[in-house]
Structures are given as structure tokens and as C-alpha cells.
Protein backbone atom coordinates (compact mmCIF):
# COMPACT_ATOMS: atom_id res chain seq x y z
CA UNK A 1 54.11 -5.28 -45.85
CA UNK A 2 56.56 -7.95 -44.63
CA UNK A 3 55.43 -10.84 -42.43
CA UNK A 4 57.47 -9.47 -39.48
CA UNK A 5 55.81 -6.05 -39.72
CA UNK A 6 52.39 -7.69 -39.82
CA UNK A 7 53.20 -9.65 -36.66
CA UNK A 8 54.46 -6.52 -34.87
CA UNK A 9 51.38 -4.57 -35.95
CA UNK A 10 49.07 -7.37 -34.76
CA UNK A 11 50.81 -7.49 -31.36
CA UNK A 12 50.54 -3.69 -31.05
CA UNK A 13 46.80 -3.73 -31.83
CA UNK A 14 46.22 -6.50 -29.29
CA UNK A 15 48.08 -4.55 -26.60
CA UNK A 16 46.03 -1.43 -27.32
CA UNK A 17 42.78 -3.38 -27.09
CA UNK A 18 43.87 -5.10 -23.88
CA UNK A 19 44.94 -1.77 -22.38
CA UNK A 20 41.60 -0.20 -23.23
CA UNK A 21 39.73 -3.12 -21.71
CA UNK A 22 41.77 -2.96 -18.50
CA UNK A 23 41.21 0.79 -18.22
CA UNK A 24 37.49 0.38 -18.80
CA UNK A 25 36.88 -2.51 -16.44
CA UNK A 26 39.34 -1.90 -13.59
CA UNK A 27 37.64 -0.63 -10.43
CA UNK A 28 39.85 1.55 -8.20
CA UNK A 29 40.37 0.77 -4.53
CA UNK A 30 38.90 4.16 -3.63
CA UNK A 31 36.35 6.18 -5.60
CA UNK A 32 33.68 8.85 -5.16
CA UNK A 33 30.19 9.19 -6.60
CA UNK A 34 27.16 11.49 -6.33
CA UNK A 35 23.56 10.33 -6.06
CA UNK A 36 21.93 11.24 -9.37
CA UNK A 37 25.25 12.68 -10.59
CA UNK A 38 26.61 12.69 -14.12
CA UNK A 39 30.10 12.30 -15.53
CA UNK A 40 31.70 15.41 -17.05
CA UNK A 41 34.07 14.21 -19.78
CA UNK A 42 35.75 17.62 -20.07
CA UNK A 43 36.90 17.66 -16.44
CA UNK A 44 36.75 13.87 -15.85
CA UNK A 45 34.76 14.47 -12.68
CA UNK A 46 31.38 13.28 -11.38
CA UNK A 47 29.19 16.35 -10.87
CA UNK A 48 25.85 17.25 -9.32
CA UNK A 49 23.32 19.52 -10.99
CA UNK A 50 21.81 20.34 -7.59
CA UNK A 51 23.31 22.29 -4.69
CA UNK A 52 22.04 19.62 -2.27
CA UNK A 53 23.13 16.03 -2.94
CA UNK A 54 24.46 12.82 -1.40
CA UNK A 55 28.18 12.16 -1.78
CA UNK A 56 29.29 8.51 -1.73
CA UNK A 57 32.73 7.22 -0.78
CA UNK A 58 33.66 3.66 -1.79
CA UNK A 59 36.33 1.20 -0.71
CA UNK A 60 37.41 -2.16 -2.10
CA UNK A 61 39.74 -3.22 0.74
CA UNK A 62 43.12 -4.85 0.26
CA UNK A 63 46.16 -5.58 2.42
CA UNK A 64 47.15 -1.89 2.53
CA UNK A 65 43.69 -0.32 2.74
CA UNK A 66 41.61 -1.87 5.50
CA UNK A 67 38.00 -1.21 6.43
CA UNK A 68 39.20 -0.21 9.91
CA UNK A 69 41.57 2.49 8.56
CA UNK A 70 40.74 6.19 8.81
CA UNK A 71 40.07 7.76 5.41
CA UNK A 72 39.73 11.40 4.45
CA UNK A 73 37.55 13.49 2.18
CA UNK A 74 38.89 16.92 1.29
CA UNK A 75 36.50 19.66 0.21
CA UNK A 76 38.35 22.20 -1.92
CA UNK A 77 37.02 25.50 -3.24
CA UNK A 78 37.23 25.81 -7.02
CA UNK A 79 38.28 27.85 -8.93
CA UNK A 80 41.32 28.46 -6.75
CA UNK A 81 40.75 30.94 -3.92
CA UNK A 82 43.56 32.30 -1.76
CA UNK A 83 44.05 33.81 1.69
CA UNK A 84 43.24 37.30 0.37
CA UNK A 85 39.76 36.22 -0.76
CA UNK A 86 36.71 37.78 0.86
CA UNK A 87 34.05 35.73 2.64
CA UNK A 88 32.98 33.06 0.13
CA UNK A 89 30.13 31.64 2.17
CA UNK A 90 29.88 28.13 3.57
CA UNK A 91 28.98 24.52 2.80
CA UNK A 92 27.16 21.95 4.91
CA UNK A 93 28.78 18.52 5.09
CA UNK A 94 27.22 15.64 7.03
CA UNK A 95 25.31 18.13 9.19
CA UNK A 96 28.28 20.41 9.96
CA UNK A 97 28.56 23.94 8.61
CA UNK A 98 32.01 24.75 7.20
CA UNK A 99 32.83 28.42 6.60
CA UNK A 100 35.26 28.82 3.71
CA UNK A 101 37.55 31.52 5.05
CA UNK A 102 37.42 30.75 8.78
CA UNK A 103 37.17 26.94 8.98
CA UNK A 104 39.20 25.91 5.92
CA UNK A 105 42.97 25.69 5.54
CA UNK A 106 44.84 27.10 2.54
CA UNK A 107 47.25 24.94 0.55
CA UNK A 108 47.24 21.33 -0.68
CA UNK A 109 45.70 18.30 1.06
CA UNK A 110 46.41 16.48 3.29
CA UNK A 111 46.43 18.93 6.19
CA UNK A 112 49.80 19.28 7.91
CA UNK A 113 50.48 21.70 10.73
CA UNK A 114 54.26 21.83 10.22
CA UNK A 115 54.87 21.09 6.53
CA UNK A 116 53.31 23.30 3.87
CA UNK A 117 53.91 21.12 0.81
CA UNK A 118 55.92 18.02 -0.12
CA UNK A 119 55.91 15.16 -2.66
CA UNK A 120 53.62 13.05 -0.45
CA UNK A 121 50.70 15.44 -0.91
CA UNK A 122 47.93 15.16 -3.49
CA UNK A 123 48.89 16.26 -6.97
CA UNK A 124 47.44 19.73 -7.61
CA UNK A 125 45.33 18.42 -10.59
CA UNK A 126 44.07 21.91 -11.35
CA UNK A 127 42.42 22.25 -7.91
CA UNK A 128 45.11 23.08 -5.36
CA UNK A 129 46.44 25.35 -3.88
CA UNK A 130 43.15 26.69 -2.57
CA UNK A 131 40.94 26.76 0.52
CA UNK A 132 40.08 23.21 1.61
CA UNK A 133 38.64 21.31 4.55
CA UNK A 134 39.50 17.74 5.54
CA UNK A 135 37.06 15.29 7.13
CA UNK A 136 38.22 11.96 8.57
CA UNK A 137 35.94 8.92 8.79
CA UNK A 138 35.84 5.11 8.85
CA UNK A 139 33.81 2.90 6.56
CA UNK A 140 30.87 1.06 8.11
CA UNK A 141 31.49 -2.68 7.84
CA UNK A 142 27.71 -3.20 7.59
CA UNK A 143 27.29 -0.96 4.54
CA UNK A 144 28.20 -2.75 1.32
CA UNK A 145 27.13 -2.51 -2.29
CA UNK A 146 27.83 -4.18 -5.61
CA UNK A 147 31.18 -3.21 -7.10
CA UNK A 148 30.87 -0.75 -9.98
CA UNK A 149 33.06 1.81 -11.68
CA UNK A 150 31.70 5.27 -10.86
CA UNK A 151 33.37 6.76 -13.93
CA UNK A 152 31.41 4.45 -16.22
CA UNK A 153 28.14 4.30 -14.28
CA UNK A 154 27.72 7.29 -11.91
CA UNK A 155 24.62 8.00 -9.89
CA UNK A 156 24.81 6.07 -6.62
CA UNK A 157 25.04 2.54 -5.19
CA UNK A 158 23.86 -0.50 -7.10
CA UNK A 159 22.14 -2.99 -4.79
CA UNK A 160 21.79 -5.83 -7.30
CA UNK A 161 24.26 -8.71 -7.26
CA UNK A 162 26.71 -9.66 -4.51
CA UNK A 163 27.71 -6.62 -2.40
CA UNK A 164 31.50 -6.59 -2.03
CA UNK A 165 32.32 -2.84 -1.89
CA UNK A 166 32.05 -0.77 1.30
CA UNK A 167 30.56 2.69 1.24
CA UNK A 168 29.71 5.75 3.31
CA UNK A 169 27.26 8.49 2.38
CA UNK A 170 27.40 12.18 3.26
CA UNK A 171 24.70 14.80 2.73
CA UNK A 172 26.14 17.94 1.13
CA UNK A 173 24.50 21.36 0.80
CA UNK A 174 26.48 23.92 -1.21
CA UNK A 175 23.63 26.44 -1.58
CA UNK A 176 25.31 28.90 0.83
CA UNK A 177 28.58 28.88 -1.11
CA UNK A 178 29.35 31.96 -3.20
CA UNK A 179 27.65 31.47 -6.57
CA UNK A 180 30.97 31.94 -8.42
CA UNK A 181 32.50 28.90 -6.71
CA UNK A 182 32.05 25.15 -6.40
CA UNK A 183 33.45 22.52 -4.06
CA UNK A 184 35.67 19.68 -5.30
CA UNK A 185 35.96 16.39 -3.37
CA UNK A 186 38.99 14.09 -3.10
CA UNK A 187 39.16 10.78 -1.20
CA UNK A 188 42.36 9.29 0.21
CA UNK A 189 44.16 7.27 2.87
CA UNK A 190 47.20 8.63 4.72
CA UNK A 191 50.24 7.58 6.71
CA UNK A 192 52.06 9.69 9.32
CA UNK A 193 55.87 9.82 9.04
CA UNK A 194 57.03 11.81 12.04
CA UNK A 195 55.33 15.17 11.50
CA UNK A 196 54.86 14.53 7.78
CA UNK A 197 51.50 13.18 6.61
CA UNK A 198 51.66 11.48 3.21
CA UNK A 199 48.89 10.09 1.06
CA UNK A 200 49.21 6.32 0.56
CA UNK A 201 46.14 5.66 -1.60
CA UNK A 202 43.71 8.02 -3.30
CA UNK A 203 40.71 7.86 -5.57
CA UNK A 204 41.98 8.51 -9.12
CA UNK A 205 41.32 12.08 -10.23
CA UNK A 206 38.95 10.59 -12.85
CA UNK A 207 36.84 9.35 -9.90
CA UNK A 208 36.58 12.63 -7.97
CA UNK A 209 33.31 14.49 -7.39
CA UNK A 210 32.23 18.12 -7.52
CA UNK A 211 29.28 20.38 -6.89
CA UNK A 212 28.37 22.37 -9.98
CA UNK A 213 26.32 25.57 -9.96
CA UNK A 214 23.84 26.11 -12.78
CA UNK A 215 24.43 22.82 -14.63
CA UNK A 216 21.71 22.65 -17.34
CA UNK A 217 19.22 19.81 -16.92
CA UNK A 218 19.19 17.22 -19.76
CA UNK A 219 15.86 18.54 -21.10
CA UNK A 220 17.27 22.07 -21.12
CA UNK A 221 20.22 20.87 -23.18
CA UNK A 222 17.89 19.10 -25.61
CA UNK A 223 15.75 22.23 -26.05
CA UNK A 224 18.86 24.34 -26.51
CA UNK A 225 20.13 21.95 -29.17
CA UNK A 226 16.80 21.99 -30.99
CA UNK A 227 16.80 25.78 -30.88
CA UNK A 228 20.28 25.95 -32.40
CA UNK A 229 19.25 23.52 -35.12
CA UNK A 230 16.22 25.69 -35.87
CA UNK A 231 18.36 28.81 -36.14
CA UNK A 232 20.71 26.99 -38.48
CA UNK A 233 17.80 25.95 -40.72
CA UNK A 234 16.44 29.52 -40.85
CA UNK A 235 19.86 30.89 -41.82
CA UNK A 236 20.16 28.39 -44.64
CA UNK A 237 16.62 29.26 -45.80
CA UNK A 238 17.32 32.99 -45.91
CA UNK A 239 20.62 32.44 -47.76
CA UNK A 240 18.80 30.35 -50.33
């Protein structure tokens, strides 16, 4: 290999390593988490194994995303459900009961009364178009926690260290939702342009959250794995 090729290869490897480090350590401006939640690598979403859980919204403010701004959490029914769907039950969010077919809108967040869909909306990311509900809130300037990346370390706020990230918590109960469905959460900031509401900042889709019906507990997964290993050993024994 020539000296020039070695140099190019070395530069390429360094860039890959630097890119991986940046991806791993960068903390988004907005992100979601679930108390006691786990990270699902297949869907790149933080999920709860319980129908009742605490959802956390986080903000690291900057010049375009202030603590005093109004932010939004959308609750979207997944898999996709349309206007022709029957009654799919309800969810409780921060003490309010939200009926899927009567209280939710159909389409893609954010909610717009005059525009059905445009480039300023959330990307569909396998969730929209579906029934969804939008809740607006402001972060409490007195509630802060240590900065952490929810994708790497899900489960709720970390109180150790210097708290520099604002958060809000919301109690969610999805037990009255149809057992075939879950609720997916997105977090974003918006800007109104005439009658058009566009999203200006959103939690990356890798930092979304979701309820998950019938998620096996870790011990259940371990027992299942041991059972499969046992069956494999018996098959090999009988073949021998």
C-alpha cells in the first residue's frame, strides 16, 4: 500500500471514530424518557413494560429554544389507526382522560385546523398518519437535573452532579387503551406562520418514547432463553 493511501485510510478511520464519539456523546436539545424504561434497539425508542408510567420531557435551552417557550407532546396511536377505526379506548395523561376516537385528531402532528399536511410537520417515521393528541406545556424553571443522553441511559432523571437540564414529568396510564395498540410520544417546539404551524425543534426519533403492551420482564426473557438452550441440548442428545 502506498504512503498516500495509508494517509487517506488513517484520516478516514479517524473521522469514523470521531463521528461515532460525537453521535454517542451529543445530548439533544429536546428528548423524552420513561421512568424505569428500557431502550428498544429495533425501534430506537424508549419503552415502558408497564401500562402506568412516568413520562419525562427534557430541555437543554439555547437561543432558539427558551425555557419560557411552549412545547408540545403528541400522543399517537400505533400501529396506525384511521378515521374508520372503531372505539379504541382511552389513555390518561397528566390526570386527563383522552378518548382515542372522539378527542384525538387524525393526521400528522402538529395540529393545524386549516392545513392537513406540509413540509413543516413531523416526519412520519413509521407512526403517522394516525390518531394523535397534542398537549402544550412549559418547562418549570425550578425543575432541573443532570444532563444525560436518554438513548444511552434511559430510566429517569439523574440527580447527581450539577443539574443543567430542565424537565417536566407526566403520569401516563394506557391500561384502558385497546390491547392491540400502544401510544407513541413525540416532543417538539413550534412556530406559527400565518395559519401554518411548523415544527422548529424536535426530540430526535431515537429519543422518542412509547407504551408497550406485554413487554416481557428481564427475568422472563432469561428464563425463556434458558428454556430454548435446554431444548437445543435435548435435540442434540437425541440426534446423537
